[in-house]
C-alpha atoms as a PDB file:
ATOM      1  CA  UNK A   1    -122.031 -42.724 -41.604  1.00  0.00           C
ATOM      2  CA  UNK A   2    -118.916 -42.534 -43.756  1.00  0.00           C
ATOM      3  CA  UNK A   3    -116.336 -45.224 -43.129  1.00  0.00           C
ATOM      4  CA  UNK A   4    -112.779 -43.887 -43.342  1.00  0.00           C
ATOM      5  CA  UNK A   5    -109.575 -45.912 -43.098  1.00  0.00           C
ATOM      6  CA  UNK A   6    -106.289 -44.169 -42.435  1.00  0.00           C
ATOM      7  CA  UNK A   7    -102.729 -45.090 -43.216  1.00  0.00           C
ATOM      8  CA  UNK A   8     -99.305 -43.529 -43.308  1.00  0.00           C
ATOM      9  CA  UNK A   9     -98.458 -42.483 -39.760  1.00  0.00           C
ATOM     10  CA  UNK A  10     -95.260 -43.374 -37.975  1.00  0.00           C
ATOM     11  CA  UNK A  11     -91.920 -42.120 -36.758  1.00  0.00           C
ATOM     12  CA  UNK A  12     -90.164 -39.308 -38.558  1.00  0.00           C
ATOM     13  CA  UNK A  13     -87.041 -37.337 -37.736  1.00  0.00           C
ATOM     14  CA  UNK A  14     -87.255 -33.598 -37.103  1.00  0.00           C
ATOM     15  CA  UNK A  15     -87.305 -31.822 -40.420  1.00  0.00           C
ATOM     16  CA  UNK A  16     -88.656 -34.886 -42.164  1.00  0.00           C
ATOM     17  CA  UNK A  17     -91.818 -35.447 -44.159  1.00  0.00           C
ATOM     18  CA  UNK A  18     -94.774 -37.759 -43.888  1.00  0.00           C
ATOM     19  CA  UNK A  19     -97.925 -38.325 -45.898  1.00  0.00           C
ATOM     20  CA  UNK A  20    -101.145 -39.522 -44.346  1.00  0.00           C
ATOM     21  CA  UNK A  21    -103.904 -41.131 -46.365  1.00  0.00           C
ATOM     22  CA  UNK A  22    -107.577 -41.513 -45.592  1.00  0.00           C
ATOM     23  CA  UNK A  23    -109.634 -43.788 -47.822  1.00  0.00           C
ATOM     24  CA  UNK A  24    -113.408 -43.950 -47.827  1.00  0.00           C
ATOM     25  CA  UNK A  25    -115.168 -47.256 -48.136  1.00  0.00           C
ATOM     26  CA  UNK A  26    -118.644 -47.731 -49.495  1.00  0.00           C
ATOM     27  CA  UNK A  27    -119.431 -44.041 -49.876  1.00  0.00           C
ATOM     28  CA  UNK A  28    -118.725 -41.551 -52.619  1.00  0.00           C
ATOM     29  CA  UNK A  29    -117.053 -38.729 -50.725  1.00  0.00           C
ATOM     30  CA  UNK A  30    -116.821 -36.308 -53.632  1.00  0.00           C
ATOM     31  CA  UNK A  31    -119.570 -34.086 -52.220  1.00  0.00           C
ATOM     32  CA  UNK A  32    -118.193 -33.987 -48.682  1.00  0.00           C
ATOM     33  CA  UNK A  33    -115.881 -31.516 -47.065  1.00  0.00           C
ATOM     34  CA  UNK A  34    -112.908 -33.502 -45.839  1.00  0.00           C
ATOM     35  CA  UNK A  35    -110.539 -32.561 -43.101  1.00  0.00           C
ATOM     36  CA  UNK A  36    -107.880 -33.421 -40.600  1.00  0.00           C
ATOM     37  CA  UNK A  37    -107.761 -32.857 -36.887  1.00  0.00           C
ATOM     38  CA  UNK A  38    -104.971 -33.623 -34.486  1.00  0.00           C
ATOM     39  CA  UNK A  39    -104.777 -34.353 -30.811  1.00  0.00           C
ATOM     40  CA  UNK A  40    -101.505 -33.974 -28.959  1.00  0.00           C
ATOM     41  CA  UNK A  41    -101.039 -34.842 -25.278  1.00  0.00           C
ATOM     42  CA  UNK A  42    -102.131 -32.049 -22.967  1.00  0.00           C
ATOM     43  CA  UNK A  43    -103.168 -29.853 -25.883  1.00  0.00           C
ATOM     44  CA  UNK A  44    -106.523 -28.895 -27.286  1.00  0.00           C
ATOM     45  CA  UNK A  45    -107.760 -30.792 -30.285  1.00  0.00           C
ATOM     46  CA  UNK A  46    -107.041 -28.770 -33.367  1.00  0.00           C
ATOM     47  CA  UNK A  47    -108.517 -28.625 -36.844  1.00  0.00           C
ATOM     48  CA  UNK A  48    -105.433 -28.833 -39.051  1.00  0.00           C
ATOM     49  CA  UNK A  49    -106.864 -28.570 -42.533  1.00  0.00           C
ATOM     50  CA  UNK A  50    -110.004 -28.785 -44.594  1.00  0.00           C
ATOM     51  CA  UNK A  51    -110.721 -29.224 -48.265  1.00  0.00           C
ATOM     52  CA  UNK A  52    -114.196 -28.708 -49.617  1.00  0.00           C
ATOM     53  CA  UNK A  53    -115.897 -30.468 -52.486  1.00  0.00           C
ATOM     54  CA  UNK A  54    -114.561 -27.830 -54.865  1.00  0.00           C
ATOM     55  CA  UNK A  55    -110.989 -28.405 -53.775  1.00  0.00           C
ATOM     56  CA  UNK A  56    -110.656 -25.194 -51.785  1.00  0.00           C
ATOM     57  CA  UNK A  57    -108.411 -25.656 -48.791  1.00  0.00           C
ATOM     58  CA  UNK A  58    -107.806 -23.884 -45.541  1.00  0.00           C
ATOM     59  CA  UNK A  59    -105.271 -24.531 -42.829  1.00  0.00           C
ATOM     60  CA  UNK A  60    -104.632 -23.788 -39.220  1.00  0.00           C
ATOM     61  CA  UNK A  61    -102.075 -21.037 -38.743  1.00  0.00           C
ATOM     62  CA  UNK A  62     -99.900 -23.535 -36.893  1.00  0.00           C
ATOM     63  CA  UNK A  63     -99.413 -25.685 -40.011  1.00  0.00           C
ATOM     64  CA  UNK A  64     -99.618 -23.103 -42.787  1.00  0.00           C
ATOM     65  CA  UNK A  65     -96.713 -23.667 -45.135  1.00  0.00           C
ATOM     66  CA  UNK A  66     -95.876 -27.058 -43.644  1.00  0.00           C
ATOM     67  CA  UNK A  67     -98.937 -29.078 -44.587  1.00  0.00           C
ATOM     68  CA  UNK A  68    -100.875 -29.628 -47.770  1.00  0.00           C
ATOM     69  CA  UNK A  69    -104.127 -31.485 -47.970  1.00  0.00           C
ATOM     70  CA  UNK A  70    -105.491 -32.850 -51.221  1.00  0.00           C
ATOM     71  CA  UNK A  71    -108.177 -35.198 -52.391  1.00  0.00           C
ATOM     72  CA  UNK A  72    -108.547 -37.683 -55.186  1.00  0.00           C
ATOM     73  CA  UNK A  73    -112.248 -38.213 -55.678  1.00  0.00           C
ATOM     74  CA  UNK A  74    -111.686 -40.921 -58.273  1.00  0.00           C
ATOM     75  CA  UNK A  75    -109.834 -42.905 -55.620  1.00  0.00           C
ATOM     76  CA  UNK A  76    -112.150 -41.749 -52.823  1.00  0.00           C
ATOM     77  CA  UNK A  77    -109.085 -40.723 -50.849  1.00  0.00           C
ATOM     78  CA  UNK A  78    -107.878 -37.754 -48.827  1.00  0.00           C
ATOM     79  CA  UNK A  79    -104.220 -36.943 -48.216  1.00  0.00           C
ATOM     80  CA  UNK A  80    -102.212 -34.841 -45.825  1.00  0.00           C
ATOM     81  CA  UNK A  81     -98.629 -34.089 -46.793  1.00  0.00           C
ATOM     82  CA  UNK A  82     -96.579 -32.813 -43.873  1.00  0.00           C
ATOM     83  CA  UNK A  83     -93.135 -31.325 -44.391  1.00  0.00           C
ATOM     84  CA  UNK A  84     -90.415 -29.987 -42.124  1.00  0.00           C
ATOM     85  CA  UNK A  85     -91.987 -31.663 -39.137  1.00  0.00           C
ATOM     86  CA  UNK A  86     -91.022 -30.617 -35.644  1.00  0.00           C
ATOM     87  CA  UNK A  87     -92.158 -31.612 -32.176  1.00  0.00           C
ATOM     88  CA  UNK A  88     -95.361 -29.615 -32.578  1.00  0.00           C
ATOM     89  CA  UNK A  89     -96.358 -31.953 -35.366  1.00  0.00           C
ATOM     90  CA  UNK A  90     -96.331 -34.988 -33.102  1.00  0.00           C
ATOM     91  CA  UNK A  91     -99.940 -35.965 -32.488  1.00  0.00           C
ATOM     92  CA  UNK A  92    -102.716 -38.355 -33.319  1.00  0.00           C
ATOM     93  CA  UNK A  93    -104.153 -37.266 -36.653  1.00  0.00           C
ATOM     94  CA  UNK A  94    -107.749 -38.038 -37.517  1.00  0.00           C
ATOM     95  CA  UNK A  95    -109.438 -37.562 -40.859  1.00  0.00           C
ATOM     96  CA  UNK A  96    -113.093 -36.743 -41.155  1.00  0.00           C
ATOM     97  CA  UNK A  97    -115.852 -36.295 -43.675  1.00  0.00           C
ATOM     98  CA  UNK A  98    -118.294 -33.471 -43.095  1.00  0.00           C
ATOM     99  CA  UNK A  99    -121.316 -31.870 -44.582  1.00  0.00           C
ATOM    100  CA  UNK A 100    -121.483 -28.104 -44.490  1.00  0.00           C
ATOM    101  CA  UNK A 101    -124.825 -26.350 -44.471  1.00  0.00           C
ATOM    102  CA  UNK A 102    -125.051 -22.660 -43.819  1.00  0.00           C
ATOM    103  CA  UNK A 103    -121.482 -22.617 -42.606  1.00  0.00           C
ATOM    104  CA  UNK A 104    -122.141 -25.286 -40.001  1.00  0.00           C
ATOM    105  CA  UNK A 105    -120.025 -28.420 -40.256  1.00  0.00           C
ATOM    106  CA  UNK A 106    -121.506 -31.766 -39.312  1.00  0.00           C
ATOM    107  CA  UNK A 107    -119.113 -34.697 -39.089  1.00  0.00           C
ATOM    108  CA  UNK A 108    -120.436 -37.780 -40.848  1.00  0.00           C
ATOM    109  CA  UNK A 109    -117.461 -40.065 -40.340  1.00  0.00           C
ATOM    110  CA  UNK A 110    -114.025 -40.309 -38.752  1.00  0.00           C
ATOM    111  CA  UNK A 111    -110.897 -42.240 -39.431  1.00  0.00           C
ATOM    112  CA  UNK A 112    -109.409 -44.323 -36.663  1.00  0.00           C
ATOM    113  CA  UNK A 113    -106.381 -42.063 -36.278  1.00  0.00           C
ATOM    114  CA  UNK A 114    -102.751 -42.102 -37.355  1.00  0.00           C
ATOM    115  CA  UNK A 115    -100.042 -41.535 -34.784  1.00  0.00           C
ATOM    116  CA  UNK A 116     -97.222 -39.246 -35.873  1.00  0.00           C
ATOM    117  CA  UNK A 117     -94.092 -39.254 -33.752  1.00  0.00           C
ATOM    118  CA  UNK A 118     -91.297 -36.776 -34.373  1.00  0.00           C
ATOM    119  CA  UNK A 119     -88.015 -37.839 -32.856  1.00  0.00           C
ATOM    120  CA  UNK A 120     -84.362 -38.229 -33.694  1.00  0.00           C
END
């Protein structure tokens, strides 16, 4: 099990930016695929972004162009930069560490969640 600790959520005005961080403790996450999911009230949980061990990223269509995920393996940390946030970006964001074998993802650890609120 990979222990992940999140930080960086909070209140942001529409059009604003926010960066979430997800730090691993006790495990070298360099070989894991890392990702972000979000859960908004009355909406399906959504995979927002992933970044594999080679640094290749992919994003949900809903956040393409607004979000950038990156990783710093030396710091054992994952980031999610969110720009031009609107009400659709308001959600609980969870980071995760996964293995991927044969195209099948297996979650090995989750962060505790970071609440993002978008309001003026």
